[in-house]
Protein backbone atom coordinates (compact mmCIF):
# COMPACT_ATOMS: atom_id res chain seq x y z
CA MET A 1 0.00 0.00 0.00
CA LYS A 2 1.37 3.42 -0.91
CA THR A 3 1.78 5.81 2.00
CA LYS A 4 1.61 9.54 1.73
CA ASP A 5 4.52 11.68 2.93
CA HIS A 6 3.16 14.09 5.53
CA ARG A 7 4.86 17.43 6.09
CA VAL A 8 6.64 18.12 9.34
CA PRO A 9 6.09 21.42 11.24
CA GLY A 10 7.94 24.29 9.58
CA GLU A 11 8.66 22.34 6.39
CA ARG A 12 7.14 24.83 3.94
CA ASN A 13 9.12 27.76 5.34
CA LEU A 14 12.28 25.64 5.51
CA ILE A 15 12.03 24.59 1.86
CA ALA A 16 11.01 28.08 0.70
CA GLY A 17 14.08 29.53 2.42
CA MET A 18 16.31 26.90 0.83
CA LEU A 19 14.93 27.69 -2.63
CA VAL A 20 15.43 31.44 -2.30
CA ASP A 21 18.94 30.90 -0.91
CA ALA A 22 19.82 28.55 -3.79
CA VAL A 23 18.59 31.02 -6.43
CA GLY A 24 20.86 33.69 -4.96
CA THR A 25 23.84 31.36 -4.75
CA GLY A 26 23.26 30.18 -8.32
CA MET A 27 23.41 33.78 -9.49
CA TYR A 28 27.07 34.23 -8.66
CA VAL A 29 28.67 30.75 -8.51
CA PRO A 30 29.02 30.31 -12.32
CA PHE A 31 30.66 33.74 -12.63
CA SER A 32 32.46 33.93 -9.26
CA LEU A 33 35.91 35.16 -10.35
CA VAL A 34 34.54 37.43 -13.10
CA PHE A 35 31.79 38.57 -10.73
CA PHE A 36 34.27 39.75 -8.10
CA GLN A 37 36.59 41.27 -10.68
CA ARG A 38 33.82 43.38 -12.20
CA ILE A 39 32.36 44.67 -8.92
CA THR A 40 35.68 45.31 -7.12
CA GLY A 41 38.03 46.18 -9.99
CA LEU A 42 40.86 44.14 -8.42
CA PRO A 43 43.14 41.92 -10.59
CA LEU A 44 41.99 38.32 -11.09
CA PRO A 45 45.14 36.72 -9.56
CA THR A 46 44.65 38.84 -6.45
CA ILE A 47 40.99 37.87 -6.22
CA GLY A 48 41.81 34.18 -6.64
CA THR A 49 44.44 34.28 -3.90
CA VAL A 50 42.17 36.19 -1.51
CA LEU A 51 39.26 33.78 -2.06
CA THR A 52 41.50 30.75 -1.46
CA VAL A 53 42.95 32.17 1.76
CA ALA A 54 39.51 33.35 2.88
CA GLY A 55 38.09 29.87 2.30
CA LEU A 56 40.83 28.25 4.37
CA LEU A 57 40.46 30.78 7.21
CA ALA A 58 36.68 30.41 7.10
CA MET A 59 36.94 26.71 7.91
CA GLY A 60 37.57 27.88 11.47
CA ALA A 61 33.95 29.06 11.55
CA MET A 62 32.67 25.50 11.30
CA PRO A 63 33.43 24.43 14.90
CA VAL A 64 32.24 27.83 16.14
CA GLY A 65 28.99 27.35 14.25
CA GLY A 66 28.57 23.89 15.76
CA TRP A 67 29.05 25.29 19.27
CA ALA A 68 26.54 28.07 18.53
CA VAL A 69 23.91 25.59 17.32
CA ASP A 70 24.19 23.63 20.57
CA ARG A 71 24.10 26.83 22.61
CA PHE A 72 21.42 28.87 20.83
CA GLY A 73 19.60 26.43 18.52
CA ALA A 74 19.89 25.85 14.78
CA ARG A 75 17.15 28.31 13.81
CA ARG A 76 18.79 31.30 15.51
CA VAL A 77 22.20 30.49 14.09
CA ARG A 78 20.66 30.04 10.64
CA LEU A 79 19.15 33.53 10.91
CA ALA A 80 22.49 35.03 11.94
CA LEU A 81 24.32 33.38 9.05
CA TYR A 82 21.76 34.60 6.53
CA LEU A 83 22.30 38.14 7.79
CA VAL A 84 26.10 37.82 7.68
CA ARG A 85 26.04 36.53 4.12
CA GLY A 86 23.49 39.12 2.97
CA LEU A 87 25.46 42.01 4.46
CA GLY A 88 28.62 40.57 2.91
CA PHE A 89 27.22 40.72 -0.62
CA LEU A 90 25.91 44.21 -0.01
CA ALA A 91 29.44 45.20 1.01
CA PHE A 92 31.32 43.54 -1.88
CA PRO A 93 30.86 46.55 -4.24
CA LEU A 94 32.63 48.62 -1.56
CA GLY A 95 35.62 46.26 -1.52
CA THR A 96 37.68 48.15 -4.08
CA THR A 97 40.79 47.98 -1.88
CA LEU A 98 42.54 44.75 -0.98
CA PRO A 99 42.08 44.93 2.83
CA VAL A 100 38.34 45.65 2.58
CA PHE A 101 37.79 42.93 -0.03
CA ALA A 102 39.76 40.39 2.04
CA LEU A 103 37.75 41.23 5.17
CA VAL A 104 34.38 40.98 3.44
CA ALA A 105 35.39 37.79 1.58
CA THR A 106 36.52 36.11 4.81
CA LEU A 107 33.36 37.01 6.73
CA THR A 108 31.12 35.88 3.86
CA ALA A 109 33.07 32.65 3.42
CA ALA A 110 32.80 31.99 7.17
CA GLY A 111 29.03 32.28 6.93
CA ALA A 112 28.95 29.93 3.95
CA GLN A 113 31.22 27.33 5.60
CA ALA A 114 29.21 27.26 8.84
CA PHE A 115 25.84 27.07 7.08
CA PRO A 116 25.56 23.39 5.94
CA ALA A 117 25.91 21.96 9.46
CA THR A 118 23.34 24.46 10.69
CA GLN A 119 20.88 23.42 7.98
CA GLN A 120 21.31 19.73 8.77
CA ALA A 121 20.90 20.42 12.48
CA LEU A 122 17.65 22.29 11.81
CA ILE A 123 16.32 19.34 9.80
CA GLY A 124 17.29 17.15 12.75
CA GLU A 125 15.30 19.39 15.11
CA LEU A 126 12.23 19.47 12.86
CA ALA A 127 12.02 15.86 11.70
CA GLN A 128 12.65 12.34 12.89
CA GLY A 129 12.87 8.90 11.30
CA GLU A 130 12.30 8.62 7.56
CA HIS A 131 11.10 12.24 7.41
CA ARG A 132 14.75 13.27 7.79
CA ASP A 133 15.66 11.24 4.71
CA ARG A 134 12.71 12.74 2.81
CA LEU A 135 13.71 16.30 3.73
CA MET A 136 17.33 15.62 2.76
CA ALA A 137 16.23 14.42 -0.69
CA LEU A 138 13.80 17.31 -1.10
CA ALA A 139 16.43 19.82 0.00
CA ARG A 140 18.90 18.53 -2.61
CA SER A 141 16.30 18.74 -5.38
CA VAL A 142 15.24 22.25 -4.36
CA ASN A 143 18.86 23.36 -4.10
CA ASN A 144 19.69 22.15 -7.60
CA ALA A 145 16.55 23.69 -9.07
CA GLY A 146 17.39 27.00 -7.38
CA LEU A 147 21.01 26.93 -8.54
CA GLY A 148 19.91 26.34 -12.12
CA ALA A 149 17.31 29.11 -12.01
CA GLY A 150 19.78 31.50 -10.41
CA GLY A 151 22.40 30.81 -13.05
CA LEU A 152 19.93 31.52 -15.86
CA LEU A 153 18.75 34.71 -14.15
CA ALA A 154 22.31 35.95 -13.67
CA ALA A 155 23.20 35.17 -17.28
CA GLY A 156 20.26 37.28 -18.43
CA LEU A 157 21.18 40.19 -16.14
CA VAL A 158 24.81 40.18 -17.27
CA GLN A 159 23.80 39.90 -20.93
CA LEU A 160 21.42 42.84 -20.65
CA GLY A 161 23.27 45.04 -18.19
CA GLY A 162 26.97 44.36 -18.69
CA ASP A 163 28.96 45.56 -15.67
CA HIS A 164 25.79 47.00 -14.16
CA GLY A 165 24.35 43.50 -14.42
CA PHE A 166 27.08 42.19 -12.10
CA LEU A 167 26.17 44.89 -9.57
CA ALA A 168 22.53 43.86 -9.82
CA VAL A 169 23.57 40.25 -9.20
CA ALA A 170 25.37 41.29 -5.99
CA TRP A 171 22.36 43.21 -4.70
CA LEU A 172 19.84 40.54 -5.67
CA ASN A 173 21.98 37.84 -4.06
CA ALA A 174 22.07 39.88 -0.85
CA ALA A 175 18.30 40.30 -1.05
CA THR A 176 17.77 36.54 -1.37
CA PHE A 177 19.57 35.97 1.93
CA PHE A 178 17.35 38.52 3.68
CA VAL A 179 14.19 36.97 2.19
CA ALA A 180 15.40 33.51 3.25
CA ALA A 181 15.90 34.91 6.76
CA LEU A 182 12.23 35.99 6.81
CA PHE A 183 11.20 32.41 6.03
CA ALA A 184 13.52 31.16 8.77
CA LEU A 185 11.82 33.51 11.24
CA ARG A 186 8.54 31.71 10.60
CA ILE A 187 9.95 28.27 11.48
CA ARG A 188 8.95 27.01 14.90
CA THR A 189 10.94 24.07 16.26
CA PRO A 190 8.74 21.54 18.10
CA ARG A 191 9.52 21.84 21.80
CA SER A 192 9.79 18.07 22.22
CA LEU A 193 12.60 17.92 19.62
CA ARG A 194 14.75 20.76 20.96
CA PRO A 195 18.12 19.65 22.29
CA ALA A 196 18.50 19.71 26.06
CA THR A 197 21.85 21.48 26.02
CA ALA A 198 21.64 22.70 29.57
CA ARG A 199 21.39 19.15 30.95
CA GLN A 200 24.08 17.55 28.83
CA PRO A 201 27.00 19.93 28.15
CA ALA A 202 29.61 18.40 25.85
CA GLY A 203 32.64 19.75 24.05
CA TYR A 204 34.53 18.73 20.95
CA ARG A 205 36.59 16.25 22.98
CA THR A 206 33.41 14.22 23.39
CA VAL A 207 32.86 14.26 19.63
CA LEU A 208 36.42 13.19 18.89
CA ARG A 209 36.16 10.30 21.36
CA ASP A 210 33.12 8.93 19.51
CA ARG A 211 34.96 6.45 17.28
CA PRO A 212 31.95 5.24 15.29
CA TYR A 213 31.10 8.84 14.34
CA ALA A 214 34.75 9.51 13.49
CA GLY A 215 34.62 6.46 11.22
CA LEU A 216 31.43 7.78 9.64
CA THR A 217 33.16 11.11 8.97
CA LEU A 218 36.18 9.39 7.43
CA ALA A 219 33.96 7.23 5.22
CA ASN A 220 32.18 10.35 4.02
CA PHE A 221 35.50 12.04 3.21
CA LEU A 222 36.47 9.12 0.97
CA ILE A 223 33.12 9.27 -0.84
CA ALA A 224 32.91 13.09 -0.89
CA LEU A 225 36.03 13.29 -3.07
CA GLY A 226 33.82 11.94 -5.85
CA TYR A 227 31.37 14.83 -5.53
CA SER A 228 34.13 17.18 -6.75
CA ALA A 229 34.74 15.10 -9.88
CA LEU A 230 31.98 16.77 -11.90
CA SER A 231 33.16 20.34 -11.40
CA VAL A 232 36.94 19.81 -11.11
CA LEU A 233 37.97 16.64 -12.92
CA LEU A 234 35.49 15.80 -15.68
CA PRO A 235 35.83 19.03 -17.74
CA VAL A 236 39.65 18.86 -17.68
CA TYR A 237 39.57 15.14 -18.50
CA ALA A 238 37.24 15.65 -21.46
CA VAL A 239 39.37 18.45 -22.90
CA SER A 240 42.85 17.04 -22.24
CA GLN A 241 42.21 13.38 -23.07
CA PHE A 242 39.71 13.62 -25.93
CA ASP A 243 40.37 17.11 -27.37
CA LEU A 244 36.74 18.08 -26.82
CA PRO A 245 35.88 21.80 -26.63
CA ALA A 246 35.81 23.39 -23.17
CA SER A 247 32.14 24.22 -23.74
CA VAL A 248 31.31 20.51 -23.25
CA ALA A 249 31.19 21.19 -19.51
CA GLY A 250 27.96 23.19 -19.96
CA PRO A 251 25.76 20.34 -21.24
CA LEU A 252 27.25 17.93 -18.69
CA PHE A 253 26.43 20.29 -15.82
CA ALA A 254 22.95 20.80 -17.25
CA VAL A 255 22.26 17.05 -17.33
CA ASN A 256 23.41 16.63 -13.72
CA THR A 257 21.46 19.65 -12.47
CA ALA A 258 18.25 18.62 -14.24
CA LEU A 259 18.43 15.05 -12.95
CA CYS A 260 19.13 16.20 -9.39
CA ALA A 261 16.26 18.69 -9.52
CA PHE A 262 13.62 16.39 -11.01
CA ALA A 263 14.68 12.88 -9.97
CA GLY A 264 15.94 13.59 -6.45
CA VAL A 265 12.59 13.16 -4.67
CA PRO A 266 11.47 9.95 -6.48
CA VAL A 267 14.90 8.33 -6.06
CA GLY A 268 14.91 9.35 -2.40
CA ARG A 269 11.44 7.82 -1.94
CA LEU A 270 12.71 4.58 -3.47
CA GLY A 271 15.69 4.58 -1.11
CA ARG A 272 13.43 4.93 1.92
CA ARG A 273 11.82 1.58 1.10
CA PHE A 274 15.00 -0.04 2.39
CA ALA A 275 15.29 0.12 6.16
CA ARG A 276 19.02 0.70 6.65
CA ARG A 277 20.57 4.04 5.76
CA THR A 278 24.07 2.58 5.88
CA ARG A 279 23.26 0.13 3.10
CA VAL A 280 21.48 2.66 0.91
CA ALA A 281 24.40 5.10 1.24
CA ALA A 282 26.86 2.28 0.52
CA VAL A 283 24.94 1.35 -2.65
CA GLY A 284 25.15 4.98 -3.78
CA ALA A 285 28.92 4.97 -3.17
CA LEU A 286 29.30 1.75 -5.16
CA VAL A 287 27.34 3.27 -8.06
CA PHE A 288 29.81 6.17 -7.86
CA ALA A 289 32.69 3.69 -8.03
CA THR A 290 31.18 1.99 -11.09
CA ALA A 291 30.84 5.32 -12.90
CA PHE A 292 34.43 6.28 -12.04
CA LEU A 293 35.73 2.95 -13.30
CA GLY A 294 33.79 3.54 -16.51
CA TYR A 295 35.49 6.91 -16.98
CA ALA A 296 38.89 5.25 -16.50
CA LEU A 297 38.05 2.76 -19.26
CA LEU A 298 36.55 5.37 -21.58
CA GLY A 299 39.88 6.04 -23.28
CA GLY A 300 39.60 2.78 -25.19
CA MET A 301 36.34 3.78 -26.91
CA PRO A 302 36.16 4.98 -30.54
CA ARG A 303 36.18 8.78 -30.68
CA GLN A 304 32.64 9.01 -32.03
CA GLY A 305 31.34 7.19 -28.96
CA VAL A 306 33.18 9.27 -26.36
CA MET A 307 30.50 11.93 -25.91
CA ALA A 308 27.78 9.31 -25.50
CA GLY A 309 30.00 7.56 -22.97
CA LEU A 310 30.59 10.78 -21.03
CA VAL A 311 26.85 11.48 -20.82
CA GLY A 312 25.88 7.89 -20.01
CA LEU A 313 28.41 7.65 -17.20
CA LEU A 314 27.32 11.07 -15.94
CA VAL A 315 23.76 9.75 -15.61
CA LEU A 316 25.12 6.78 -13.63
CA TYR A 317 27.20 9.17 -11.49
CA THR A 318 24.12 11.29 -10.79
CA ILE A 319 22.10 8.22 -9.76
CA GLY A 320 24.85 7.41 -7.26
CA GLU A 321 24.67 10.97 -5.96
CA LEU A 322 20.89 10.83 -5.55
CA VAL A 323 21.01 7.47 -3.77
CA HIS A 324 23.91 8.30 -1.46
CA SER A 325 23.25 11.90 -0.46
CA PRO A 326 19.88 11.76 1.42
CA SER A 327 20.71 8.59 3.35
CA ALA A 328 24.23 9.73 4.23
CA GLY A 329 22.94 13.12 5.37
CA ALA A 330 20.18 11.62 7.50
CA LEU A 331 22.66 9.10 8.91
CA SER A 332 25.02 11.88 10.03
CA VAL A 333 22.17 13.79 11.69
CA SER A 334 20.61 10.77 13.39
CA ALA A 335 23.94 9.40 14.66
CA ALA A 336 24.61 12.68 16.48
CA PRO A 337 23.20 13.01 20.02
CA ALA A 338 20.59 15.79 20.03
CA GLU A 339 22.30 17.73 22.83
CA ALA A 340 25.56 17.98 20.85
CA ARG A 341 24.19 17.79 17.32
CA GLY A 342 25.73 21.09 16.26
CA ARG A 343 29.26 20.06 17.21
CA TYR A 344 28.87 16.61 15.70
CA LEU A 345 27.60 17.95 12.38
CA ALA A 346 30.28 20.65 12.25
CA THR A 347 32.87 17.88 12.60
CA TYR A 348 31.14 15.81 9.92
CA GLN A 349 31.03 18.80 7.55
CA LEU A 350 34.82 19.03 7.73
CA SER A 351 34.88 15.91 5.55
CA TRP A 352 33.11 17.89 2.81
CA ALA A 353 35.27 20.99 3.26
CA LEU A 354 38.54 19.03 3.20
CA SER A 355 37.54 17.00 0.15
CA GLN A 356 36.61 20.16 -1.77
CA THR A 357 39.88 21.83 -0.73
CA LEU A 358 42.11 18.88 -1.64
CA ALA A 359 40.34 17.81 -4.85
CA PRO A 360 41.85 20.35 -7.31
CA SER A 361 45.49 19.65 -6.41
CA LEU A 362 44.90 15.89 -6.05
CA PHE A 363 43.10 15.49 -9.37
CA THR A 364 45.45 17.67 -11.42
CA GLY A 365 48.50 15.94 -9.92
CA LEU A 366 47.14 12.50 -10.78
CA LEU A 367 46.10 13.63 -14.27
CA ALA A 368 49.66 14.74 -14.95
CA VAL A 369 50.82 11.15 -14.35
CA ASP A 370 48.06 9.30 -16.26
CA GLY A 371 44.60 10.36 -17.40
CA ARG A 372 43.05 7.21 -15.92
CA LEU A 373 44.71 7.50 -12.52
CA PRO A 374 42.36 9.99 -10.79
CA TRP A 375 39.34 7.88 -11.80
CA LEU A 376 40.96 4.73 -10.44
CA VAL A 377 41.76 6.51 -7.17
CA LEU A 378 38.14 7.68 -6.93
CA THR A 379 36.94 4.13 -7.65
CA ALA A 380 39.06 2.86 -4.77
CA SER A 381 38.08 5.65 -2.36
CA SER A 382 34.34 5.29 -3.05
CA THR A 383 34.54 1.52 -2.63
CA ALA A 384 36.49 1.89 0.62
CA GLY A 385 33.90 4.39 1.88
CA ALA A 386 31.08 1.95 1.09
CA VAL A 387 32.86 -0.88 2.91
CA MET A 388 33.38 1.37 5.94
CA LEU A 389 29.69 2.27 6.04
CA LEU A 390 28.74 -1.40 6.11
CA ALA A 391 31.35 -2.16 8.76
CA LEU A 392 30.02 0.67 10.97
CA GLU A 393 26.44 -0.62 10.82
CA GLN A 394 26.68 -2.58 14.08
CA ARG A 395 28.51 0.22 15.93
CA LEU A 396 26.21 3.14 15.15
CA PRO A 397 22.98 3.77 17.11
CA ALA A 398 20.01 1.79 15.82
CA GLU A 399 17.94 4.96 15.42
CA ALA A 400 20.63 6.27 13.05
CA VAL A 401 20.95 3.11 10.96
CA TYR A 402 17.22 2.41 10.56
CA THR A 403 14.81 4.78 8.84
CA THR A 404 11.76 3.07 10.31
CA THR A 405 10.16 3.51 13.71
CA ALA A 406 11.24 1.57 16.77
CA GLU A 407 8.61 -1.10 16.12
CA ALA A 408 10.35 -2.05 12.88
CA VAL A 409 13.82 -2.32 14.43
CA PRO A 410 14.87 -5.88 15.24
CA PRO A 411 14.60 -6.65 19.00
CA ALA A 412 18.35 -7.13 19.42
CA ARG A 413 18.92 -3.56 18.27
CA CYS A 414 15.84 -2.07 19.91
CA GLU A 415 17.59 -2.48 23.26
CA THR A 416 20.28 -0.05 22.13
CA ALA A 417 17.93 2.37 20.41
CA GLU A 418 17.67 4.88 23.25
CA PRO A 419 19.58 8.11 22.78
CA ARG A 420 23.21 7.88 23.87
CA ARG A 421 24.34 9.50 27.07
CA LEU A 422 27.20 11.87 26.56
CA SER A 423 30.21 11.86 28.81
CA ARG A 424 30.81 15.27 30.30
CA GLY A 425 33.42 17.20 28.40
CA ARG A 426 34.77 20.70 28.34
CA ALA A 427 32.60 23.17 26.48
CA GLY A 428 34.14 23.68 23.07
């Protein structure tokens, strides 16, 4: 019998805020370096260096954001980060000198780095059980739809307005953060799901002593390297190995974005039919590995079949992304004790930040040795991540592993399904 997905309290405002945020982000991401060069007038090499340093410094905001979530609640921190990011984009046109641009870039990057853990923590406060998986899948679809719409809107503004179009993009992006903050104001966290931080103080030492969660974070790092393949590795591989035009990246991105936007929810619903998040996430990682192995073998194809191979493997890659992402996200939220969820998720998000930081140098270095080598490394890392997820299944809390209610959890694991008690640690 088919069951209907019921909304959780605050879901409409949560999703509306995500959509508005994604539209704004999509307006500047495709043009980021050119965007900053046109609105600040600084040289491109200077802008690139500042953005890299700002991104590295901003990683320090992630543990601070996790502490703030546990102290003040995810909704309040989400509001603060929206305001920081909105004010940052309002200030970018004023950053015509290097010190001002560096300051604004660092503050804005800090808000962006701290945001994902805050969003996951808010989903954890609003939803339980399979509703977390559903919201994760819906959030990914909405995010991709918003990014695509924002990119098209920005392209139109720049085409019509030239340099003034870039200024309009900055202001509109700032406005989207403020509008998203208004939606966040309307979210009310159910009192029964709010973390009892006052009763169970815990610092980052407690998080680091949780070996199963550390293993979960490491497994995600190994798999997350593959998420950077589409933007960093695939375009360079297509151009350098097959002499395809650089413009080939556009259609490939479009296929991935469209599939994520329109297929994310149905694929997520299919994944929720299987009770164990660890196994669903592992299947997604193994689909990743299969796609990466296919890319490594693509060099042996006739030239006329290369483009079809690139697209076909991209579809397989996207299926892996859609299967892995919601279950892995819900697993990370559900494995974190509610009273320290912010710190746990900030630690988990470091796996994403580190993979995105290391991917460009890792992939280009491996490409210089052999065009197949980065794909083989990704095949191995995704497979290792999948094996780790399966090995952790018996060590993670039952309520994290299983999407179903307690009645559906086998009796042997029901006994361990109560929330974990945290050892007292120093506030971090």
